[in-house]
PDB file of N, CA and C in Angstrom:
ATOM      1  N   UNK A   1    -224.154 -58.601  52.905  1.00  0.00           N
ATOM      2  CA  UNK A   1    -223.681 -57.343  52.343  1.00  0.00           C
ATOM      3  C   UNK A   1    -222.250 -57.540  51.844  1.00  0.00           C
ATOM      4  N   UNK A   2    -222.008 -57.137  50.647  1.00  0.00           N
ATOM      5  CA  UNK A   2    -220.695 -57.225  50.034  1.00  0.00           C
ATOM      6  C   UNK A   2    -219.970 -55.907  50.278  1.00  0.00           C
ATOM      7  N   UNK A   3    -218.818 -55.970  50.934  1.00  0.00           N
ATOM      8  CA  UNK A   3    -218.085 -54.750  51.286  1.00  0.00           C
ATOM      9  C   UNK A   3    -217.742 -53.919  50.051  1.00  0.00           C
ATOM     10  N   UNK A   4    -217.614 -54.571  48.876  1.00  0.00           N
ATOM     11  CA  UNK A   4    -217.244 -53.828  47.680  1.00  0.00           C
ATOM     12  C   UNK A   4    -218.358 -52.914  47.184  1.00  0.00           C
ATOM     13  N   UNK A   5    -219.564 -53.065  47.709  1.00  0.00           N
ATOM     14  CA  UNK A   5    -220.663 -52.203  47.271  1.00  0.00           C
ATOM     15  C   UNK A   5    -221.123 -51.235  48.355  1.00  0.00           C
ATOM     16  N   UNK A   6    -220.332 -51.067  49.392  1.00  0.00           N
ATOM     17  CA  UNK A   6    -220.695 -50.149  50.468  1.00  0.00           C
ATOM     18  C   UNK A   6    -220.097 -48.773  50.193  1.00  0.00           C
ATOM     19  N   UNK A   7    -220.968 -47.780  50.105  1.00  0.00           N
ATOM     20  CA  UNK A   7    -220.536 -46.419  49.843  1.00  0.00           C
ATOM     21  C   UNK A   7    -220.105 -45.697  51.104  1.00  0.00           C
ATOM     22  N   UNK A   8    -219.205 -44.766  50.913  1.00  0.00           N
ATOM     23  CA  UNK A   8    -218.698 -43.951  52.017  1.00  0.00           C
ATOM     24  C   UNK A   8    -219.050 -42.477  51.800  1.00  0.00           C
ATOM     25  N   UNK A   9    -218.984 -42.020  50.544  1.00  0.00           N
ATOM     26  CA  UNK A   9    -219.271 -40.614  50.231  1.00  0.00           C
ATOM     27  C   UNK A   9    -219.692 -40.502  48.771  1.00  0.00           C
ATOM     28  N   UNK A  10    -220.476 -39.468  48.485  1.00  0.00           N
ATOM     29  CA  UNK A  10    -220.962 -39.208  47.129  1.00  0.00           C
ATOM     30  C   UNK A  10    -220.573 -37.783  46.748  1.00  0.00           C
ATOM     31  N   UNK A  11    -220.005 -37.644  45.562  1.00  0.00           N
ATOM     32  CA  UNK A  11    -219.712 -36.324  45.009  1.00  0.00           C
ATOM     33  C   UNK A  11    -220.129 -36.347  43.537  1.00  0.00           C
ATOM     34  N   UNK A  12    -220.095 -35.208  42.929  1.00  0.00           N
ATOM     35  CA  UNK A  12    -220.489 -35.126  41.525  1.00  0.00           C
ATOM     36  C   UNK A  12    -219.841 -33.894  40.912  1.00  0.00           C
ATOM     37  N   UNK A  13    -219.745 -33.921  39.597  1.00  0.00           N
ATOM     38  CA  UNK A  13    -219.326 -32.735  38.869  1.00  0.00           C
ATOM     39  C   UNK A  13    -220.332 -32.544  37.741  1.00  0.00           C
ATOM     40  N   UNK A  14    -220.027 -31.739  36.770  1.00  0.00           N
ATOM     41  CA  UNK A  14    -221.018 -31.444  35.728  1.00  0.00           C
ATOM     42  C   UNK A  14    -221.304 -32.639  34.819  1.00  0.00           C
ATOM     43  N   UNK A  15    -220.473 -33.686  34.870  1.00  0.00           N
ATOM     44  CA  UNK A  15    -220.679 -34.849  33.996  1.00  0.00           C
ATOM     45  C   UNK A  15    -220.849 -36.180  34.722  1.00  0.00           C
ATOM     46  N   UNK A  16    -220.299 -36.316  35.915  1.00  0.00           N
ATOM     47  CA  UNK A  16    -220.250 -37.622  36.559  1.00  0.00           C
ATOM     48  C   UNK A  16    -220.741 -37.619  38.002  1.00  0.00           C
ATOM     49  N   UNK A  17    -221.279 -38.779  38.376  1.00  0.00           N
ATOM     50  CA  UNK A  17    -221.600 -39.085  39.763  1.00  0.00           C
ATOM     51  C   UNK A  17    -220.459 -39.961  40.265  1.00  0.00           C
ATOM     52  N   UNK A  18    -219.836 -39.585  41.371  1.00  0.00           N
ATOM     53  CA  UNK A  18    -218.698 -40.312  41.936  1.00  0.00           C
ATOM     54  C   UNK A  18    -219.105 -40.862  43.302  1.00  0.00           C
ATOM     55  N   UNK A  19    -218.787 -42.117  43.537  1.00  0.00           N
ATOM     56  CA  UNK A  19    -219.054 -42.720  44.842  1.00  0.00           C
ATOM     57  C   UNK A  19    -217.758 -43.315  45.367  1.00  0.00           C
ATOM     58  N   UNK A  20    -217.346 -42.864  46.552  1.00  0.00           N
ATOM     59  CA  UNK A  20    -216.203 -43.453  47.226  1.00  0.00           C
ATOM     60  C   UNK A  20    -216.704 -44.661  47.989  1.00  0.00           C
ATOM     61  N   UNK A  21    -216.066 -45.806  47.741  1.00  0.00           N
ATOM     62  CA  UNK A  21    -216.467 -47.046  48.388  1.00  0.00           C
ATOM     63  C   UNK A  21    -215.676 -47.264  49.669  1.00  0.00           C
ATOM     64  N   UNK A  22    -216.217 -48.090  50.550  1.00  0.00           N
ATOM     65  CA  UNK A  22    -215.572 -48.365  51.835  1.00  0.00           C
ATOM     66  C   UNK A  22    -214.193 -48.989  51.655  1.00  0.00           C
ATOM     67  N   UNK A  23    -213.970 -49.678  50.523  1.00  0.00           N
ATOM     68  CA  UNK A  23    -212.664 -50.312  50.302  1.00  0.00           C
ATOM     69  C   UNK A  23    -211.644 -49.357  49.680  1.00  0.00           C
ATOM     70  N   UNK A  24    -212.006 -48.075  49.520  1.00  0.00           N
ATOM     71  CA  UNK A  24    -211.068 -47.068  49.042  1.00  0.00           C
ATOM     72  C   UNK A  24    -211.186 -46.722  47.569  1.00  0.00           C
ATOM     73  N   UNK A  25    -211.892 -47.537  46.785  1.00  0.00           N
ATOM     74  CA  UNK A  25    -212.064 -47.216  45.369  1.00  0.00           C
ATOM     75  C   UNK A  25    -213.070 -46.086  45.193  1.00  0.00           C
ATOM     76  N   UNK A  26    -212.987 -45.421  44.062  1.00  0.00           N
ATOM     77  CA  UNK A  26    -213.977 -44.431  43.662  1.00  0.00           C
ATOM     78  C   UNK A  26    -214.520 -44.878  42.312  1.00  0.00           C
ATOM     79  N   UNK A  27    -215.841 -45.015  42.225  1.00  0.00           N
ATOM     80  CA  UNK A  27    -216.467 -45.354  40.953  1.00  0.00           C
ATOM     81  C   UNK A  27    -217.211 -44.133  40.444  1.00  0.00           C
ATOM     82  N   UNK A  28    -217.250 -44.005  39.139  1.00  0.00           N
ATOM     83  CA  UNK A  28    -217.915 -42.863  38.515  1.00  0.00           C
ATOM     84  C   UNK A  28    -218.790 -43.360  37.379  1.00  0.00           C
ATOM     85  N   UNK A  29    -219.966 -42.775  37.276  1.00  0.00           N
ATOM     86  CA  UNK A  29    -220.858 -43.070  36.166  1.00  0.00           C
ATOM     87  C   UNK A  29    -221.385 -41.734  35.632  1.00  0.00           C
ATOM     88  N   UNK A  30    -221.706 -41.701  34.342  1.00  0.00           N
ATOM     89  CA  UNK A  30    -222.202 -40.453  33.759  1.00  0.00           C
ATOM     90  C   UNK A  30    -223.544 -40.041  34.375  1.00  0.00           C
ATOM     91  N   UNK A  31    -223.676 -38.776  34.711  1.00  0.00           N
ATOM     92  CA  UNK A  31    -224.965 -38.267  35.193  1.00  0.00           C
ATOM     93  C   UNK A  31    -226.058 -38.462  34.150  1.00  0.00           C
ATOM     94  N   UNK A  32    -225.681 -38.513  32.889  1.00  0.00           N
ATOM     95  CA  UNK A  32    -226.681 -38.704  31.831  1.00  0.00           C
ATOM     96  C   UNK A  32    -227.386 -40.053  31.941  1.00  0.00           C
ATOM     97  N   UNK A  33    -226.816 -40.985  32.686  1.00  0.00           N
ATOM     98  CA  UNK A  33    -227.475 -42.274  32.926  1.00  0.00           C
ATOM     99  C   UNK A  33    -228.694 -42.107  33.824  1.00  0.00           C
ATOM    100  N   UNK A  34    -228.747 -41.026  34.569  1.00  0.00           N
ATOM    101  CA  UNK A  34    -229.801 -40.805  35.562  1.00  0.00           C
ATOM    102  C   UNK A  34    -230.454 -39.447  35.296  1.00  0.00           C
ATOM    103  N   UNK A  35    -231.418 -39.383  34.396  1.00  0.00           N
ATOM    104  CA  UNK A  35    -232.031 -38.093  34.035  1.00  0.00           C
ATOM    105  C   UNK A  35    -232.555 -37.314  35.243  1.00  0.00           C
ATOM    106  N   UNK A  36    -233.055 -38.019  36.245  1.00  0.00           N
ATOM    107  CA  UNK A  36    -233.573 -37.342  37.436  1.00  0.00           C
ATOM    108  C   UNK A  36    -232.465 -36.559  38.145  1.00  0.00           C
ATOM    109  N   UNK A  37    -231.255 -37.122  38.138  1.00  0.00           N
ATOM    110  CA  UNK A  37    -230.126 -36.447  38.772  1.00  0.00           C
ATOM    111  C   UNK A  37    -229.531 -35.384  37.849  1.00  0.00           C
ATOM    112  N   UNK A  38    -229.441 -35.687  36.571  1.00  0.00           N
ATOM    113  CA  UNK A  38    -228.879 -34.754  35.596  1.00  0.00           C
ATOM    114  C   UNK A  38    -229.643 -33.439  35.587  1.00  0.00           C
ATOM    115  N   UNK A  39    -230.950 -33.517  35.755  1.00  0.00           N
ATOM    116  CA  UNK A  39    -231.795 -32.322  35.695  1.00  0.00           C
ATOM    117  C   UNK A  39    -232.063 -31.687  37.058  1.00  0.00           C
ATOM    118  N   UNK A  40    -231.479 -32.232  38.107  1.00  0.00           N
ATOM    119  CA  UNK A  40    -231.719 -31.716  39.462  1.00  0.00           C
ATOM    120  C   UNK A  40    -230.813 -30.528  39.769  1.00  0.00           C
ATOM    121  N   UNK A  41    -231.292 -29.625  40.606  1.00  0.00           N
ATOM    122  CA  UNK A  41    -230.440 -28.510  41.045  1.00  0.00           C
ATOM    123  C   UNK A  41    -229.230 -29.033  41.823  1.00  0.00           C
ATOM    124  N   UNK A  42    -228.111 -28.350  41.701  1.00  0.00           N
ATOM    125  CA  UNK A  42    -226.877 -28.752  42.376  1.00  0.00           C
ATOM    126  C   UNK A  42    -227.095 -28.915  43.877  1.00  0.00           C
ATOM    127  N   UNK A  43    -227.818 -28.002  44.481  1.00  0.00           N
ATOM    128  CA  UNK A  43    -228.078 -28.077  45.925  1.00  0.00           C
ATOM    129  C   UNK A  43    -228.789 -29.379  46.276  1.00  0.00           C
ATOM    130  N   UNK A  44    -229.742 -29.789  45.471  1.00  0.00           N
ATOM    131  CA  UNK A  44    -230.493 -31.013  45.735  1.00  0.00           C
ATOM    132  C   UNK A  44    -229.608 -32.244  45.572  1.00  0.00           C
ATOM    133  N   UNK A  45    -228.700 -32.242  44.609  1.00  0.00           N
ATOM    134  CA  UNK A  45    -227.787 -33.369  44.434  1.00  0.00           C
ATOM    135  C   UNK A  45    -226.930 -33.585  45.675  1.00  0.00           C
ATOM    136  N   UNK A  46    -226.576 -32.512  46.339  1.00  0.00           N
ATOM    137  CA  UNK A  46    -225.764 -32.615  47.546  1.00  0.00           C
ATOM    138  C   UNK A  46    -226.535 -33.087  48.766  1.00  0.00           C
ATOM    139  N   UNK A  47    -227.847 -33.168  48.657  1.00  0.00           N
ATOM    140  CA  UNK A  47    -228.694 -33.574  49.781  1.00  0.00           C
ATOM    141  C   UNK A  47    -229.072 -35.052  49.650  1.00  0.00           C
ATOM    142  N   UNK A  48    -228.071 -35.899  49.732  1.00  0.00           N
ATOM    143  CA  UNK A  48    -228.263 -37.345  49.628  1.00  0.00           C
ATOM    144  C   UNK A  48    -228.024 -37.983  50.994  1.00  0.00           C
ATOM    145  N   UNK A  49    -228.398 -39.233  51.096  1.00  0.00           N
ATOM    146  CA  UNK A  49    -227.999 -40.022  52.260  1.00  0.00           C
ATOM    147  C   UNK A  49    -227.792 -41.456  51.802  1.00  0.00           C
ATOM    148  N   UNK A  50    -226.855 -42.126  52.445  1.00  0.00           N
ATOM    149  CA  UNK A  50    -226.609 -43.530  52.160  1.00  0.00           C
ATOM    150  C   UNK A  50    -227.665 -44.342  52.902  1.00  0.00           C
ATOM    151  N   UNK A  51    -228.229 -45.329  52.218  1.00  0.00           N
ATOM    152  CA  UNK A  51    -229.286 -46.164  52.782  1.00  0.00           C
ATOM    153  C   UNK A  51    -228.915 -47.638  52.642  1.00  0.00           C
ATOM    154  N   UNK A  52    -229.708 -48.504  53.245  1.00  0.00           N
ATOM    155  CA  UNK A  52    -229.527 -49.963  53.124  1.00  0.00           C
ATOM    156  C   UNK A  52    -228.111 -50.375  53.505  1.00  0.00           C
ATOM    157  N   UNK A  53    -227.679 -49.946  54.667  1.00  0.00           N
ATOM    158  CA  UNK A  53    -226.342 -50.246  55.191  1.00  0.00           C
ATOM    159  C   UNK A  53    -225.238 -49.778  54.242  1.00  0.00           C
ATOM    160  N   UNK A  54    -225.493 -48.671  53.549  1.00  0.00           N
ATOM    161  CA  UNK A  54    -224.491 -48.065  52.684  1.00  0.00           C
ATOM    162  C   UNK A  54    -224.456 -48.601  51.273  1.00  0.00           C
ATOM    163  N   UNK A  55    -225.382 -49.483  50.907  1.00  0.00           N
ATOM    164  CA  UNK A  55    -225.370 -50.058  49.558  1.00  0.00           C
ATOM    165  C   UNK A  55    -226.247 -49.287  48.573  1.00  0.00           C
ATOM    166  N   UNK A  56    -226.915 -48.271  49.049  1.00  0.00           N
ATOM    167  CA  UNK A  56    -227.769 -47.466  48.183  1.00  0.00           C
ATOM    168  C   UNK A  56    -227.655 -45.994  48.537  1.00  0.00           C
ATOM    169  N   UNK A  57    -228.128 -45.169  47.621  1.00  0.00           N
ATOM    170  CA  UNK A  57    -228.111 -43.723  47.811  1.00  0.00           C
ATOM    171  C   UNK A  57    -229.535 -43.224  47.609  1.00  0.00           C
ATOM    172  N   UNK A  58    -229.961 -42.325  48.491  1.00  0.00           N
ATOM    173  CA  UNK A  58    -231.297 -41.751  48.378  1.00  0.00           C
ATOM    174  C   UNK A  58    -231.202 -40.238  48.297  1.00  0.00           C
ATOM    175  N   UNK A  59    -231.966 -39.685  47.363  1.00  0.00           N
ATOM    176  CA  UNK A  59    -232.179 -38.247  47.282  1.00  0.00           C
ATOM    177  C   UNK A  59    -233.643 -38.040  47.620  1.00  0.00           C
ATOM    178  N   UNK A  60    -233.920 -37.794  48.887  1.00  0.00           N
ATOM    179  CA  UNK A  60    -235.298 -37.690  49.360  1.00  0.00           C
ATOM    180  C   UNK A  60    -236.053 -36.578  48.639  1.00  0.00           C
ATOM    181  N   UNK A  61    -235.398 -35.461  48.395  1.00  0.00           N
ATOM    182  CA  UNK A  61    -236.049 -34.340  47.724  1.00  0.00           C
ATOM    183  C   UNK A  61    -236.450 -34.644  46.288  1.00  0.00           C
ATOM    184  N   UNK A  62    -235.817 -35.652  45.710  1.00  0.00           N
ATOM    185  CA  UNK A  62    -236.144 -36.070  44.338  1.00  0.00           C
ATOM    186  C   UNK A  62    -236.971 -37.354  44.313  1.00  0.00           C
ATOM    187  N   UNK A  63    -237.139 -37.981  45.481  1.00  0.00           N
ATOM    188  CA  UNK A  63    -237.776 -39.291  45.573  1.00  0.00           C
ATOM    189  C   UNK A  63    -237.074 -40.263  44.631  1.00  0.00           C
ATOM    190  N   UNK A  64    -235.726 -40.298  44.736  1.00  0.00           N
ATOM    191  CA  UNK A  64    -234.909 -41.103  43.833  1.00  0.00           C
ATOM    192  C   UNK A  64    -233.939 -41.945  44.652  1.00  0.00           C
ATOM    193  N   UNK A  65    -233.817 -43.214  44.272  1.00  0.00           N
ATOM    194  CA  UNK A  65    -232.922 -44.150  44.944  1.00  0.00           C
ATOM    195  C   UNK A  65    -232.028 -44.802  43.900  1.00  0.00           C
ATOM    196  N   UNK A  66    -230.784 -45.057  44.284  1.00  0.00           N
ATOM    197  CA  UNK A  66    -229.827 -45.656  43.363  1.00  0.00           C
ATOM    198  C   UNK A  66    -229.016 -46.710  44.104  1.00  0.00           C
ATOM    199  N   UNK A  67    -228.929 -47.875  43.525  1.00  0.00           N
ATOM    200  CA  UNK A  67    -228.120 -48.963  44.057  1.00  0.00           C
ATOM    201  C   UNK A  67    -226.668 -48.772  43.616  1.00  0.00           C
ATOM    202  N   UNK A  68    -225.743 -48.847  44.556  1.00  0.00           N
ATOM    203  CA  UNK A  68    -224.329 -48.737  44.199  1.00  0.00           C
ATOM    204  C   UNK A  68    -223.917 -49.942  43.355  1.00  0.00           C
ATOM    205  N   UNK A  69    -224.473 -51.085  43.635  1.00  0.00           N
ATOM    206  CA  UNK A  69    -224.180 -52.271  42.833  1.00  0.00           C
ATOM    207  C   UNK A  69    -224.576 -52.053  41.371  1.00  0.00           C
ATOM    208  N   UNK A  70    -225.690 -51.384  41.134  1.00  0.00           N
ATOM    209  CA  UNK A  70    -226.108 -51.125  39.751  1.00  0.00           C
ATOM    210  C   UNK A  70    -225.104 -50.219  39.033  1.00  0.00           C
ATOM    211  N   UNK A  71    -224.455 -49.326  39.773  1.00  0.00           N
ATOM    212  CA  UNK A  71    -223.417 -48.489  39.181  1.00  0.00           C
ATOM    213  C   UNK A  71    -222.226 -49.348  38.758  1.00  0.00           C
ATOM    214  N   UNK A  72    -221.859 -50.305  39.609  1.00  0.00           N
ATOM    215  CA  UNK A  72    -220.723 -51.182  39.308  1.00  0.00           C
ATOM    216  C   UNK A  72    -220.969 -52.045  38.082  1.00  0.00           C
ATOM    217  N   UNK A  73    -222.207 -52.469  37.905  1.00  0.00           N
ATOM    218  CA  UNK A  73    -222.546 -53.352  36.788  1.00  0.00           C
ATOM    219  C   UNK A  73    -223.001 -52.588  35.546  1.00  0.00           C
ATOM    220  N   UNK A  74    -223.050 -51.272  35.621  1.00  0.00           N
ATOM    221  CA  UNK A  74    -223.386 -50.480  34.442  1.00  0.00           C
ATOM    222  C   UNK A  74    -224.866 -50.443  34.129  1.00  0.00           C
ATOM    223  N   UNK A  75    -225.713 -50.762  35.100  1.00  0.00           N
ATOM    224  CA  UNK A  75    -227.164 -50.689  34.871  1.00  0.00           C
ATOM    225  C   UNK A  75    -227.592 -49.238  35.039  1.00  0.00           C
ATOM    226  N   UNK A  76    -228.283 -48.736  34.042  1.00  0.00           N
ATOM    227  CA  UNK A  76    -228.721 -47.347  34.122  1.00  0.00           C
ATOM    228  C   UNK A  76    -230.048 -47.200  33.419  1.00  0.00           C
ATOM    229  N   UNK A  77    -230.685 -46.090  33.672  1.00  0.00           N
ATOM    230  CA  UNK A  77    -231.983 -45.767  33.074  1.00  0.00           C
ATOM    231  C   UNK A  77    -231.798 -45.614  31.572  1.00  0.00           C
ATOM    232  N   UNK A  78    -232.641 -46.266  30.821  1.00  0.00           N
ATOM    233  CA  UNK A  78    -232.598 -46.097  29.372  1.00  0.00           C
ATOM    234  C   UNK A  78    -233.944 -45.568  28.904  1.00  0.00           C
ATOM    235  N   UNK A  79    -233.896 -44.484  28.169  1.00  0.00           N
ATOM    236  CA  UNK A  79    -235.139 -43.886  27.664  1.00  0.00           C
ATOM    237  C   UNK A  79    -235.773 -44.812  26.649  1.00  0.00           C
ATOM    238  N   UNK A  80    -237.100 -44.804  26.634  1.00  0.00           N
ATOM    239  CA  UNK A  80    -237.823 -45.609  25.656  1.00  0.00           C
ATOM    240  C   UNK A  80    -237.565 -45.076  24.250  1.00  0.00           C
ATOM    241  N   UNK A  81    -237.470 -45.988  23.305  1.00  0.00           N
ATOM    242  CA  UNK A  81    -237.175 -45.603  21.913  1.00  0.00           C
ATOM    243  C   UNK A  81    -238.396 -45.035  21.225  1.00  0.00           C
TER     244      UNK A  81
END
């Protein structure tokens, strides 16, 4: 496990998903990268849990999982053309 990819807390606003990392940094990615999250009710977005020793985020109510490492590398869902 790489300490740089361990999440501590997740927050969001109307445009971005923010993850506070264990090393003190905060990374942000556009919610538009994750249509499942962009279209989810605010209450459901707040119902997350850190999984895989803090390297992933799960929204059980959405059946959606996100790797924090994928956020760091800019990997996101791309709609088919």
